[in-house]
C-alpha atoms as a PDB file:
ATOM      1  CA  MET A   1     118.618  50.051  89.045  1.00  0.00           C
ATOM      2  CA  ARG A   2     116.346  52.624  90.692  1.00  0.00           C
ATOM      3  CA  LYS A   3     117.213  56.345  90.690  1.00  0.00           C
ATOM      4  CA  ALA A   4     116.900  58.503  93.793  1.00  0.00           C
ATOM      5  CA  PRO A   5     113.795  60.757  93.866  1.00  0.00           C
ATOM      6  CA  ARG A   6     114.313  64.323  92.672  1.00  0.00           C
ATOM      7  CA  SER A   7     112.568  67.340  94.186  1.00  0.00           C
ATOM      8  CA  PHE A   8     111.480  70.424  92.277  1.00  0.00           C
ATOM      9  CA  SER A   9     109.774  73.637  93.419  1.00  0.00           C
ATOM     10  CA  ILE A  10     107.505  75.501  91.020  1.00  0.00           C
ATOM     11  CA  LEU A  11     105.360  78.634  91.217  1.00  0.00           C
ATOM     12  CA  PHE A  12     101.862  78.246  89.814  1.00  0.00           C
ATOM     13  CA  LEU A  13      99.382  81.140  90.060  1.00  0.00           C
ATOM     14  CA  GLY A  14     100.946  82.446  93.237  1.00  0.00           C
ATOM     15  CA  MET A  15     101.124  79.079  95.007  1.00  0.00           C
ATOM     16  CA  SER A  16     104.323  77.170  95.557  1.00  0.00           C
ATOM     17  CA  PHE A  17     104.356  73.375  95.193  1.00  0.00           C
ATOM     18  CA  ALA A  18     107.067  70.879  95.959  1.00  0.00           C
ATOM     19  CA  ILE A  19     107.039  67.981  93.506  1.00  0.00           C
ATOM     20  CA  GLN A  20     108.953  64.774  94.018  1.00  0.00           C
ATOM     21  CA  ILE A  21     109.461  62.562  90.982  1.00  0.00           C
ATOM     22  CA  ALA A  22     110.693  59.022  91.332  1.00  0.00           C
ATOM     23  CA  CYS A  23     111.775  57.380  88.099  1.00  0.00           C
ATOM     24  CA  ALA A  24     111.034  53.670  87.793  1.00  0.00           C
ATOM     25  CA  PRO A  25     113.143  51.272  85.772  1.00  0.00           C
ATOM     26  CA  ALA A  26     112.613  51.248  82.022  1.00  0.00           C
ATOM     27  CA  PRO A  27     109.209  49.798  81.035  1.00  0.00           C
ATOM     28  CA  PRO A  28     108.904  46.476  79.229  1.00  0.00           C
ATOM     29  CA  ALA A  29     109.537  46.644  75.484  1.00  0.00           C
ATOM     30  CA  ASN A  30     105.840  46.195  74.624  1.00  0.00           C
ATOM     31  CA  THR A  31     104.754  49.440  76.409  1.00  0.00           C
ATOM     32  CA  ASN A  32     105.239  52.936  74.965  1.00  0.00           C
ATOM     33  CA  GLN A  33     104.547  54.785  78.220  1.00  0.00           C
ATOM     34  CA  PRO A  34     107.166  55.251  80.977  1.00  0.00           C
ATOM     35  CA  SER A  35     106.176  54.671  84.578  1.00  0.00           C
ATOM     36  CA  VAL A  36     106.502  57.826  86.709  1.00  0.00           C
ATOM     37  CA  ASN A  37     105.227  58.480  90.231  1.00  0.00           C
ATOM     38  CA  VAL A  38     104.344  62.102  90.960  1.00  0.00           C
ATOM     39  CA  ASN A  39     103.503  63.287  94.470  1.00  0.00           C
ATOM     40  CA  ALA A  40     102.585  66.961  94.805  1.00  0.00           C
ATOM     41  CA  ALA A  41     102.028  68.692  98.119  1.00  0.00           C
ATOM     42  CA  PRO A  42     101.294  72.403  98.642  1.00  0.00           C
ATOM     43  CA  SER A  43     104.040  74.345 100.378  1.00  0.00           C
ATOM     44  CA  ASN A  44     103.398  77.344 102.614  1.00  0.00           C
ATOM     45  CA  SER A  45     106.302  79.399 101.329  1.00  0.00           C
ATOM     46  CA  SER A  46     106.436  83.018 102.432  1.00  0.00           C
ATOM     47  CA  GLN A  47     108.334  83.846  99.236  1.00  0.00           C
ATOM     48  CA  ALA A  48     105.396  83.106  96.923  1.00  0.00           C
ATOM     49  CA  LYS A  49     103.927  86.291  95.467  1.00  0.00           C
ATOM     50  CA  PRO A  50     100.387  86.581  94.108  1.00  0.00           C
ATOM     51  CA  ALA A  51     100.407  86.229  90.357  1.00  0.00           C
ATOM     52  CA  GLU A  52      98.660  88.599  87.981  1.00  0.00           C
ATOM     53  CA  GLN A  53      95.503  87.136  86.562  1.00  0.00           C
ATOM     54  CA  PRO A  54      95.501  86.945  82.742  1.00  0.00           C
ATOM     55  CA  GLY A  55      94.031  90.108  81.244  1.00  0.00           C
ATOM     56  CA  GLN A  56      94.571  92.115  84.429  1.00  0.00           C
ATOM     57  CA  ALA A  57      96.311  95.346  83.368  1.00  0.00           C
ATOM     58  CA  THR A  58      98.808  97.185  85.553  1.00  0.00           C
ATOM     59  CA  THR A  59      99.034 100.246  83.294  1.00  0.00           C
ATOM     60  CA  GLY A  60      96.658 102.598  81.535  1.00  0.00           C
ATOM     61  CA  THR A  61      96.296 104.238  78.140  1.00  0.00           C
ATOM     62  CA  ILE A  62      95.926 107.828  76.951  1.00  0.00           C
ATOM     63  CA  GLU A  63      94.243 108.663  73.626  1.00  0.00           C
ATOM     64  CA  VAL A  64      94.838 112.192  72.309  1.00  0.00           C
ATOM     65  CA  ILE A  65      93.228 113.892  69.299  1.00  0.00           C
ATOM     66  CA  SER A  66      93.342 117.508  68.204  1.00  0.00           C
ATOM     67  CA  VAL A  67      91.897 119.850  65.618  1.00  0.00           C
ATOM     68  CA  PRO A  68      93.979 120.501  63.644  1.00  0.00           C
ATOM     69  CA  ALA A  69      95.835 117.167  63.784  1.00  0.00           C
ATOM     70  CA  GLY A  70      99.622 117.006  63.950  1.00  0.00           C
ATOM     71  CA  ALA A  71     100.163 118.694  67.318  1.00  0.00           C
ATOM     72  CA  ARG A  72     103.212 117.532  69.276  1.00  0.00           C
ATOM     73  CA  VAL A  73     102.212 115.533  72.382  1.00  0.00           C
ATOM     74  CA  LEU A  74     104.215 115.911  75.595  1.00  0.00           C
ATOM     75  CA  LEU A  75     103.470 113.813  78.681  1.00  0.00           C
ATOM     76  CA  ILE A  76     104.641 115.274  82.000  1.00  0.00           C
ATOM     77  CA  PRO A  77     104.457 113.193  85.220  1.00  0.00           C
ATOM     78  CA  THR A  78     103.100 115.357  88.071  1.00  0.00           C
ATOM     79  CA  ASP A  79     102.772 112.959  91.028  1.00  0.00           C
ATOM     80  CA  GLY A  80     103.963 114.585  94.235  1.00  0.00           C
ATOM     81  CA  ASP A  81     104.869 118.244  94.552  1.00  0.00           C
ATOM     82  CA  THR A  82     107.079 118.481  91.460  1.00  0.00           C
ATOM     83  CA  ALA A  83     106.737 117.793  87.761  1.00  0.00           C
ATOM     84  CA  GLY A  84     108.930 115.243  86.024  1.00  0.00           C
ATOM     85  CA  GLU A  85     110.739 115.549  82.706  1.00  0.00           C
ATOM     86  CA  PRO A  86     108.422 116.073  79.701  1.00  0.00           C
ATOM     87  CA  GLN A  87     108.320 113.000  77.474  1.00  0.00           C
ATOM     88  CA  SER A  88     107.630 113.418  73.754  1.00  0.00           C
ATOM     89  CA  LYS A  89     104.915 110.987  72.631  1.00  0.00           C
ATOM     90  CA  GLY A  90     104.620 111.780  68.915  1.00  0.00           C
ATOM     91  CA  SER A  91     101.888 113.868  67.350  1.00  0.00           C
ATOM     92  CA  THR A  92      98.108 113.788  67.265  1.00  0.00           C
ATOM     93  CA  PRO A  93      96.224 111.604  66.840  1.00  0.00           C
ATOM     94  CA  ALA A  94      98.184 109.551  69.386  1.00  0.00           C
ATOM     95  CA  THR A  95      97.576 106.523  71.579  1.00  0.00           C
ATOM     96  CA  ILE A  96      99.990 106.241  74.499  1.00  0.00           C
ATOM     97  CA  SER A  97      99.868 102.782  76.057  1.00  0.00           C
ATOM     98  CA  GLY A  98     101.729 101.273  79.006  1.00  0.00           C
ATOM     99  CA  VAL A  99     101.361 104.425  81.140  1.00  0.00           C
ATOM    100  CA  ARG A 100     101.902 103.863  84.858  1.00  0.00           C
ATOM    101  CA  PRO A 101      98.968 104.890  87.055  1.00  0.00           C
ATOM    102  CA  GLY A 102      99.344 108.417  88.425  1.00  0.00           C
ATOM    103  CA  LYS A 103      98.855 112.112  87.691  1.00  0.00           C
ATOM    104  CA  TYR A 104     100.095 113.704  84.471  1.00  0.00           C
ATOM    105  CA  THR A 105      99.855 116.893  82.431  1.00  0.00           C
ATOM    106  CA  VAL A 106      99.335 116.431  78.697  1.00  0.00           C
ATOM    107  CA  ASP A 107     100.704 119.315  76.641  1.00  0.00           C
ATOM    108  CA  LEU A 108      99.892 119.830  72.929  1.00  0.00           C
ATOM    109  CA  GLU A 109     101.985 122.208  70.814  1.00  0.00           C
ATOM    110  CA  LYS A 110     101.647 123.188  67.159  1.00  0.00           C
ATOM    111  CA  THR A 111     103.356 126.052  65.348  1.00  0.00           C
ATOM    112  CA  GLY A 112     100.941 128.963  64.795  1.00  0.00           C
ATOM    113  CA  TYR A 113      98.568 127.781  67.564  1.00  0.00           C
ATOM    114  CA  ARG A 114      98.310 128.362  71.315  1.00  0.00           C
ATOM    115  CA  PHE A 115      99.484 125.445  73.406  1.00  0.00           C
ATOM    116  CA  PHE A 116      96.927 123.248  75.151  1.00  0.00           C
ATOM    117  CA  GLN A 117      97.385 121.649  78.583  1.00  0.00           C
ATOM    118  CA  LYS A 118      95.214 119.229  80.517  1.00  0.00           C
ATOM    119  CA  ASP A 119      95.811 117.580  83.899  1.00  0.00           C
ATOM    120  CA  ILE A 120      94.746 113.929  83.992  1.00  0.00           C
ATOM    121  CA  THR A 121      94.856 110.892  86.273  1.00  0.00           C
ATOM    122  CA  VAL A 122      95.684 107.526  84.724  1.00  0.00           C
ATOM    123  CA  LYS A 123      94.263 104.425  86.418  1.00  0.00           C
ATOM    124  CA  LYS A 124      95.343 100.864  85.750  1.00  0.00           C
ATOM    125  CA  GLY A 125      93.295  99.114  83.095  1.00  0.00           C
ATOM    126  CA  SER A 126      91.561 102.311  81.906  1.00  0.00           C
ATOM    127  CA  THR A 127      91.844 104.767  79.014  1.00  0.00           C
ATOM    128  CA  VAL A 128      91.872 108.571  79.360  1.00  0.00           C
ATOM    129  CA  LYS A 129      90.586 110.342  76.230  1.00  0.00           C
ATOM    130  CA  ILE A 130      91.648 113.906  75.438  1.00  0.00           C
ATOM    131  CA  SER A 131      90.141 115.947  72.629  1.00  0.00           C
ATOM    132  CA  ALA A 132      91.493 119.457  71.999  1.00  0.00           C
ATOM    133  CA  THR A 133      90.610 122.231  69.582  1.00  0.00           C
ATOM    134  CA  LEU A 134      93.711 124.363  69.169  1.00  0.00           C
ATOM    135  CA  LYS A 135      93.242 128.113  68.723  1.00  0.00           C
ATOM    136  CA  LYS A 136      95.312 130.193  66.315  1.00  0.00           C
ATOM    137  CA  GLN A 137      97.707 132.703  67.861  1.00  0.00           C
END
């Protein structure tokens, strides 16, 4: 008895393919390999989105060091006309990964020292390095 062909759609590196698989009857007992017919044809689907290439980053990284170490790191989004909520990112030395591209202010605070601020722009796939020497109050 022969089964009806089945159709599948898959997304492979941004291209959509329609695959039709027709299953043949069971192979003879002396063969270990099943018989399968596969016909693949590209489909011009408007829903297919370009896929990210492996290793292609969509975020950036910020590396922050200070003298003395141990300063609290705050990251403040500043895209547009207003600043966003400050986000605590630990203390120096700090590596902040997965940062969306855009403009930010990095604020360093340590008791007994003046605060330090620097405006930066994060780009996808790149690292912004900040080195600060904090001054005593």
